[in-house]
Protein backbone atom coordinates (compact mmCIF):
# COMPACT_ATOMS: atom_id res chain seq x y z
CA UNK A 1 -60.82 31.57 -27.89
CA UNK A 2 -59.47 29.43 -24.82
CA UNK A 3 -62.84 30.48 -22.22
CA UNK A 4 -60.47 28.38 -19.91
CA UNK A 5 -57.40 31.03 -19.98
CA UNK A 6 -59.66 34.19 -20.30
CA UNK A 7 -61.48 32.97 -16.80
CA UNK A 8 -57.90 32.40 -15.72
CA UNK A 9 -56.73 36.00 -16.51
CA UNK A 10 -60.35 38.10 -15.33
CA UNK A 11 -59.89 35.95 -11.97
CA UNK A 12 -56.24 37.21 -11.66
CA UNK A 13 -56.80 40.73 -12.43
CA UNK A 14 -59.80 40.70 -10.13
CA UNK A 15 -57.70 39.72 -7.23
CA UNK A 16 -54.89 41.89 -7.97
CA UNK A 17 -57.36 44.62 -6.11
CA UNK A 18 -56.50 47.26 -8.46
CA UNK A 19 -53.25 46.44 -8.95
CA UNK A 20 -51.71 46.24 -12.63
CA UNK A 21 -50.51 42.79 -13.53
CA UNK A 22 -47.72 42.38 -15.91
CA UNK A 23 -48.81 40.91 -19.48
CA UNK A 24 -45.50 38.84 -19.05
CA UNK A 25 -46.36 37.49 -16.15
CA UNK A 26 -49.80 36.31 -17.04
CA UNK A 27 -48.55 34.11 -19.92
CA UNK A 28 -45.73 32.62 -17.90
CA UNK A 29 -48.69 31.93 -15.63
CA UNK A 30 -50.81 30.60 -18.10
CA UNK A 31 -47.89 29.23 -20.47
CA UNK A 32 -49.07 31.53 -23.49
CA UNK A 33 -47.98 34.47 -25.62
CA UNK A 34 -47.72 38.07 -24.84
CA UNK A 35 -50.24 37.93 -28.41
CA UNK A 36 -52.76 35.53 -26.89
CA UNK A 37 -52.78 37.64 -23.18
CA UNK A 38 -53.31 40.47 -25.89
CA UNK A 39 -56.33 38.99 -27.64
CA UNK A 40 -58.03 37.51 -24.21
CA UNK A 41 -57.60 41.35 -22.56
CA UNK A 42 -59.62 42.40 -25.70
CA UNK A 43 -62.55 39.68 -25.36
CA UNK A 44 -62.77 40.65 -21.83
CA UNK A 45 -63.44 44.33 -23.14
CA UNK A 46 -65.54 43.02 -25.82
CA UNK A 47 -67.89 41.37 -22.50
CA UNK A 48 -68.23 44.90 -20.90
CA UNK A 49 -64.39 44.60 -18.44
CA UNK A 50 -63.17 47.61 -17.93
CA UNK A 51 -59.22 47.15 -18.69
CA UNK A 52 -56.56 49.94 -18.14
CA UNK A 53 -53.06 49.52 -19.64
CA UNK A 54 -50.70 50.59 -17.21
CA UNK A 55 -47.20 52.01 -19.13
CA UNK A 56 -44.53 49.58 -17.93
CA UNK A 57 -47.07 47.82 -15.51
CA UNK A 58 -49.32 45.52 -17.33
CA UNK A 59 -52.95 45.73 -17.15
CA UNK A 60 -55.53 46.47 -14.34
CA UNK A 61 -59.66 46.09 -14.16
CA UNK A 62 -61.37 49.31 -13.43
CA UNK A 63 -65.10 48.21 -14.07
CA UNK A 64 -66.48 44.70 -14.21
CA UNK A 65 -69.73 44.26 -16.70
CA UNK A 66 -73.32 44.18 -15.45
CA UNK A 67 -74.27 40.89 -16.65
CA UNK A 68 -75.13 37.46 -15.68
CA UNK A 69 -72.83 35.70 -18.53
CA UNK A 70 -70.43 32.66 -16.90
CA UNK A 71 -66.91 34.51 -17.06
CA UNK A 72 -68.17 36.83 -14.64
CA UNK A 73 -70.20 34.67 -12.16
CA UNK A 74 -67.66 31.61 -12.41
CA UNK A 75 -64.60 34.55 -11.45
CA UNK A 76 -64.39 34.40 -7.97
CA UNK A 77 -66.98 32.02 -6.99
CA UNK A 78 -66.31 29.75 -4.09
CA UNK A 79 -68.14 26.57 -4.42
CA UNK A 80 -66.99 22.97 -5.79
CA UNK A 81 -69.92 22.30 -7.46
CA UNK A 82 -72.96 24.35 -8.05
CA UNK A 83 -72.24 27.06 -10.66
CA UNK A 84 -69.29 25.24 -12.38
CA UNK A 85 -70.95 24.48 -15.07
CA UNK A 86 -73.38 27.54 -16.51
CA UNK A 87 -76.20 27.47 -19.27
CA UNK A 88 -76.33 31.10 -19.77
CA UNK A 89 -78.93 32.50 -22.08
CA UNK A 90 -79.65 36.55 -22.14
CA UNK A 91 -83.46 35.69 -22.73
CA UNK A 92 -86.04 32.56 -22.44
CA UNK A 93 -88.98 31.83 -21.55
CA UNK A 94 -88.44 30.28 -17.99
CA UNK A 95 -85.03 28.98 -16.77
CA UNK A 96 -87.18 25.84 -14.98
CA UNK A 97 -88.14 25.13 -18.80
CA UNK A 98 -84.47 24.98 -19.75
CA UNK A 99 -82.97 23.21 -16.62
CA UNK A 100 -85.79 20.27 -16.86
CA UNK A 101 -84.37 19.47 -20.05
CA UNK A 102 -80.63 19.74 -19.09
CA UNK A 103 -81.73 17.69 -16.28
CA UNK A 104 -83.31 14.94 -18.80
CA UNK A 105 -80.41 14.67 -20.94
CA UNK A 106 -77.96 14.74 -18.28
CA UNK A 107 -76.53 17.53 -16.68
CA UNK A 108 -74.54 17.23 -14.00
CA UNK A 109 -75.38 18.10 -10.26
CA UNK A 110 -74.88 21.45 -9.65
CA UNK A 111 -75.80 23.12 -13.31
CA UNK A 112 -77.11 26.57 -12.91
CA UNK A 113 -79.54 28.30 -15.60
CA UNK A 114 -79.37 32.07 -15.65
CA UNK A 115 -81.07 34.57 -17.78
CA UNK A 116 -80.87 37.92 -18.41
CA UNK A 117 -85.07 38.11 -18.65
CA UNK A 118 -87.83 35.55 -18.69
CA UNK A 119 -91.11 36.12 -21.04
CA UNK A 120 -92.91 33.34 -19.19
CA UNK A 121 -91.56 33.79 -15.64
CA UNK A 122 -93.88 31.93 -12.85
CA UNK A 123 -93.74 31.04 -9.55
CA UNK A 124 -96.05 28.58 -7.78
CA UNK A 125 -99.69 27.70 -8.48
CA UNK A 126 -98.51 28.86 -11.88
CA UNK A 127 -98.36 32.42 -11.12
CA UNK A 128 -96.81 34.79 -13.44
CA UNK A 129 -93.55 36.13 -12.00
CA UNK A 130 -92.00 39.84 -13.34
CA UNK A 131 -88.51 39.52 -14.62
CA UNK A 132 -87.22 42.32 -15.65
CA UNK A 133 -84.44 42.49 -18.11
CA UNK A 134 -80.91 43.34 -16.51
CA UNK A 135 -82.32 44.13 -13.35
CA UNK A 136 -82.73 40.84 -11.44
CA UNK A 137 -80.84 37.28 -11.64
CA UNK A 138 -83.30 34.65 -12.75
CA UNK A 139 -81.98 30.94 -12.07
CA UNK A 140 -82.56 27.92 -11.68
CA UNK A 141 -80.35 25.04 -10.30
CA UNK A 142 -80.55 21.25 -10.97
CA UNK A 143 -79.29 19.26 -7.58
CA UNK A 144 -79.14 15.47 -7.94
CA UNK A 145 -79.07 14.73 -4.23
CA UNK A 146 -78.81 11.75 -2.99
CA UNK A 147 -82.08 11.55 -0.56
CA UNK A 148 -85.24 10.01 -0.45
CA UNK A 149 -88.09 11.78 -2.23
CA UNK A 150 -89.48 12.62 1.00
CA UNK A 151 -86.86 14.89 1.84
CA UNK A 152 -87.12 16.65 -1.41
CA UNK A 153 -89.85 19.48 -0.27
CA UNK A 154 -87.34 20.82 2.75
CA UNK A 155 -84.45 21.77 -0.36
CA UNK A 156 -87.49 25.03 -0.81
CA UNK A 157 -86.52 25.70 2.81
CA UNK A 158 -82.81 25.31 2.47
CA UNK A 159 -83.01 27.23 -0.43
CA UNK A 160 -84.73 30.26 1.48
CA UNK A 161 -81.88 30.43 3.55
CA UNK A 162 -79.32 30.48 1.36
CA UNK A 163 -81.11 33.44 -0.16
CA UNK A 164 -81.34 35.58 2.93
CA UNK A 165 -77.59 34.74 3.82
CA UNK A 166 -76.81 35.63 0.42
CA UNK A 167 -78.97 38.89 0.53
CA UNK A 168 -77.79 39.69 4.02
CA UNK A 169 -74.07 39.59 3.04
CA UNK A 170 -74.30 41.50 0.05
CA UNK A 171 -76.44 44.30 0.93
CA UNK A 172 -76.56 44.36 4.78
CA UNK A 173 -80.63 44.49 4.35
CA UNK A 174 -82.71 42.06 7.01
CA UNK A 175 -84.66 39.81 4.60
CA UNK A 176 -87.42 37.44 6.52
CA UNK A 177 -89.07 34.45 4.92
CA UNK A 178 -92.76 33.73 4.89
CA UNK A 179 -93.44 30.37 4.73
CA UNK A 180 -92.57 28.84 2.68
CA UNK A 181 -91.00 30.12 -0.13
CA UNK A 182 -91.33 34.09 -0.14
CA UNK A 183 -88.42 36.23 0.77
CA UNK A 184 -89.55 39.84 2.23
CA UNK A 185 -88.20 42.66 2.83
CA UNK A 186 -90.17 45.15 4.72
CA UNK A 187 -93.53 42.90 4.20
CA UNK A 188 -93.33 43.24 0.75
CA UNK A 189 -91.92 40.48 -1.76
CA UNK A 190 -88.26 40.60 -3.52
CA UNK A 191 -87.56 36.71 -4.08
CA UNK A 192 -90.00 33.65 -5.07
CA UNK A 193 -88.62 29.90 -5.14
CA UNK A 194 -90.29 27.14 -6.71
CA UNK A 195 -88.82 23.91 -6.53
CA UNK A 196 -89.79 20.48 -8.77
CA UNK A 197 -89.03 17.37 -8.88
CA UNK A 198 -87.68 14.58 -11.49
CA UNK A 199 -88.47 11.20 -10.08
CA UNK A 200 -88.88 7.73 -11.06
CA UNK A 201 -89.31 4.76 -9.25
CA UNK A 202 -85.34 4.36 -7.68
CA UNK A 203 -86.09 7.82 -6.25
CA UNK A 204 -84.85 11.37 -6.84
CA UNK A 205 -83.84 11.95 -10.12
CA UNK A 206 -83.30 16.14 -10.16
CA UNK A 207 -84.21 18.58 -8.35
CA UNK A 208 -84.97 21.81 -9.93
CA UNK A 209 -84.87 24.86 -7.92
CA UNK A 210 -85.97 28.35 -9.52
CA UNK A 211 -85.03 31.27 -7.82
CA UNK A 212 -86.01 34.59 -9.10
CA UNK A 213 -84.44 37.84 -6.90
CA UNK A 214 -85.39 41.14 -7.75
CA UNK A 215 -82.30 43.29 -7.47
CA UNK A 216 -82.45 46.67 -9.14
CA UNK A 217 -85.54 47.26 -10.51
CA UNK A 218 -87.19 50.43 -9.84
CA UNK A 219 -91.06 50.60 -8.70
CA UNK A 220 -92.44 51.07 -13.08
CA UNK A 221 -89.98 48.49 -13.87
CA UNK A 222 -93.52 45.66 -11.82
CA UNK A 223 -96.77 45.77 -13.45
CA UNK A 224 -99.35 47.78 -11.54
CA UNK A 225 -101.00 45.00 -9.93
CA UNK A 226 -98.06 43.52 -7.94
CA UNK A 227 -96.35 47.54 -7.51
CA UNK A 228 -97.82 47.72 -4.25
CA UNK A 229 -96.74 44.17 -2.41
CA UNK A 230 -93.18 43.70 -4.78
CA UNK A 231 -89.90 45.57 -3.93
CA UNK A 232 -86.18 44.79 -4.94
CA UNK A 233 -82.83 45.00 -3.11
CA UNK A 234 -82.32 48.71 -4.68
CA UNK A 235 -85.73 49.70 -3.31
CA UNK A 236 -84.83 48.94 -0.07
CA UNK A 237 -81.55 49.69 0.18
CA UNK A 238 -81.36 52.88 -1.95
CA UNK A 239 -78.17 51.57 -3.57
CA UNK A 240 -77.62 49.45 -6.96
CA UNK A 241 -76.42 46.08 -6.09
CA UNK A 242 -73.73 43.96 -8.13
CA UNK A 243 -75.63 41.16 -9.51
CA UNK A 244 -72.90 39.01 -9.92
CA UNK A 245 -71.51 39.12 -6.65
CA UNK A 246 -74.87 38.17 -5.36
CA UNK A 247 -75.41 35.34 -7.57
CA UNK A 248 -71.53 34.30 -6.29
CA UNK A 249 -73.39 34.24 -2.68
CA UNK A 250 -76.14 32.75 -3.46
CA UNK A 251 -74.32 29.71 -4.90
CA UNK A 252 -71.96 29.34 -2.39
CA UNK A 253 -74.53 29.41 0.52
CA UNK A 254 -76.88 27.19 -1.47
CA UNK A 255 -73.83 24.60 -1.52
CA UNK A 256 -73.24 25.11 1.48
CA UNK A 257 -76.63 24.38 3.14
CA UNK A 258 -76.96 21.83 0.86
CA UNK A 259 -73.99 19.71 2.05
CA UNK A 260 -75.49 20.60 5.44
CA UNK A 261 -78.61 19.16 5.02
CA UNK A 262 -77.90 15.84 3.00
CA UNK A 263 -74.59 15.19 5.54
CA UNK A 264 -76.28 16.42 8.90
CA UNK A 265 -80.42 16.62 8.32
CA UNK A 266 -82.69 19.62 8.72
CA UNK A 267 -82.16 20.00 12.61
CA UNK A 268 -79.57 23.30 12.41
CA UNK A 269 -81.46 24.49 9.27
CA UNK A 270 -84.45 24.65 10.53
CA UNK A 271 -83.35 27.02 14.10
CA UNK A 272 -82.13 29.09 10.97
CA UNK A 273 -84.94 29.03 8.90
CA UNK A 274 -87.19 29.90 12.01
CA UNK A 275 -84.78 32.70 12.97
CA UNK A 276 -85.76 34.34 9.60
CA UNK A 277 -89.52 33.64 9.61
CA UNK A 278 -91.66 36.06 9.54
CA UNK A 279 -94.86 33.75 9.89
CA UNK A 280 -93.96 31.83 13.33
CA UNK A 281 -95.25 32.71 16.13
CA UNK A 282 -98.10 35.16 14.28
CA UNK A 283 -101.31 34.67 13.77
CA UNK A 284 -102.27 33.46 10.26
CA UNK A 285 -104.73 32.67 7.67
CA UNK A 286 -103.96 29.22 5.61
CA UNK A 287 -106.06 28.38 2.34
CA UNK A 288 -105.41 25.78 0.88
CA UNK A 289 -107.63 23.98 -1.85
CA UNK A 290 -110.00 22.29 -0.09
CA UNK A 291 -110.37 24.30 3.42
CA UNK A 292 -108.94 27.61 5.01
CA UNK A 293 -107.57 27.48 8.31
CA UNK A 294 -106.75 30.29 10.79
CA UNK A 295 -104.60 30.42 13.95
CA UNK A 296 -101.15 30.81 15.38
CA UNK A 297 -98.26 29.46 13.51
CA UNK A 298 -96.34 27.66 15.73
CA UNK A 299 -93.51 26.50 13.92
CA UNK A 300 -92.31 23.88 11.48
CA UNK A 301 -91.81 20.36 11.65
CA UNK A 302 -88.38 18.67 10.71
CA UNK A 303 -90.11 18.29 7.00
CA UNK A 304 -90.84 21.65 6.64
CA UNK A 305 -94.44 21.13 7.77
CA UNK A 306 -96.17 24.43 9.14
CA UNK A 307 -97.72 23.61 12.30
CA UNK A 308 -100.47 25.87 12.78
CA UNK A 309 -102.78 25.61 16.29
CA UNK A 310 -106.61 26.62 15.69
CA UNK A 311 -108.53 28.67 18.33
CA UNK A 312 -109.83 24.98 19.43
CA UNK A 313 -106.63 24.20 20.93
CA UNK A 314 -105.68 21.72 17.52
CA UNK A 315 -102.52 21.61 15.97
CA UNK A 316 -102.94 21.42 11.96
CA UNK A 317 -100.16 20.53 9.81
CA UNK A 318 -100.34 22.50 6.77
CA UNK A 319 -98.01 21.41 3.60
CA UNK A 320 -99.43 23.60 0.89
CA UNK A 321 -101.27 26.68 1.37
CA UNK A 322 -101.13 30.35 0.93
CA UNK A 323 -100.58 31.84 3.77
CA UNK A 324 -101.17 35.72 5.12
CA UNK A 325 -101.08 37.35 8.44
CA UNK A 326 -104.64 38.09 10.00
CA UNK A 327 -103.57 40.52 12.35
CA UNK A 328 -104.19 43.91 9.80
CA UNK A 329 -100.72 46.06 11.03
CA UNK A 330 -98.73 43.51 10.09
CA UNK A 331 -100.21 42.06 6.85
CA UNK A 332 -97.59 40.35 4.41
CA UNK A 333 -98.48 39.82 0.70
C-alpha cells in the first residue's frame, strides 16, 4: 500500500472540515483508481480513523485516532524538515536510545522518534521519567545544526520556548519555564527536556533532544513519589487534549525557533524565554555537584547561563544545577 497516497487522502479529508469528498475526485487528483481509493480508505479505518461514506457525495472524516503514528502527525504538519521523517514504535526503552542509533546511521536533520510508552524513560542526571502508555508524547528530535559546539546548550532553552508556545496554542494554558529545562503548570512539572550531543573534532554531528510531554494522564497514572510534583495538561485544563495537534504544534515551533536561533542568534529567544520564566527575579537555591548557592536569579546570559546574585553581592554563573525556590510560598519541584 502506497503510504504517500494514504497520507494525501487523509490530509484531503481532514482539510475538507467535515464536508464529504467525492471518491472520484480523489481518484482523479491522485491518479489512481476508485478501487485503490476504497482500499486506502479501509487502511485509514484500520488505523482508527472514523470515516463515513455519504451516498452520492463521497467520504468524510468523523473521528481522528488518538495515536502518535506518522500518518496522523504528518497529516497537517506545517514544517519543512522537522517531523518529515518519523520513526514510530508503540513501545521502547527510550526514544533517546533509538535516536542516538539513527543519528549514527546518518538519519537526516529533523528526524523524530515517537513512541506511545517508554519502559526506561529518563530525564536529567539519569532520573527516571514516567511514560504512561497512550497518555503523553514521548519523543526525540535529531538536529544537525551548523553551529559551534559551545552553542549547543542553548538548544535546551530554544526547545523550552517551543514547548510552552505549543501548549499555549493548543490548550490555552499558561505554562512557565523553570531553568533550565522544566515546564511547569501551577508549580507542577508537565514536561521535561533532555539535550544530548554527538560530536567529534570537526564539531557537532547531531543534537538529540528528548521531550516528555504529560498530556492526558490522571493523578493515579504517576508513581506515588511524584504525584505531588507532577501534572498533565488534562489535569490542569479539565479536558482531554488532542495529542496529534500538540505534537504538530510543537514540531512547528521547534523548527521556527531553531531557525531563528541559527540565523539571528539567541537575543530574541532570550527575551521570550525570560518572559515565561518562573525562576528570574526569584530567590532560589542552586544545588551543584560541589557546592550549593542561594541568591536572586537575575537572568540568563546569551549562552543560557543562569545569573545568580548571592547576599554578598557577587554574581555567579550557574551552568548546571538543581534549582528550587527558597520562598516557601512559591516553591516549585
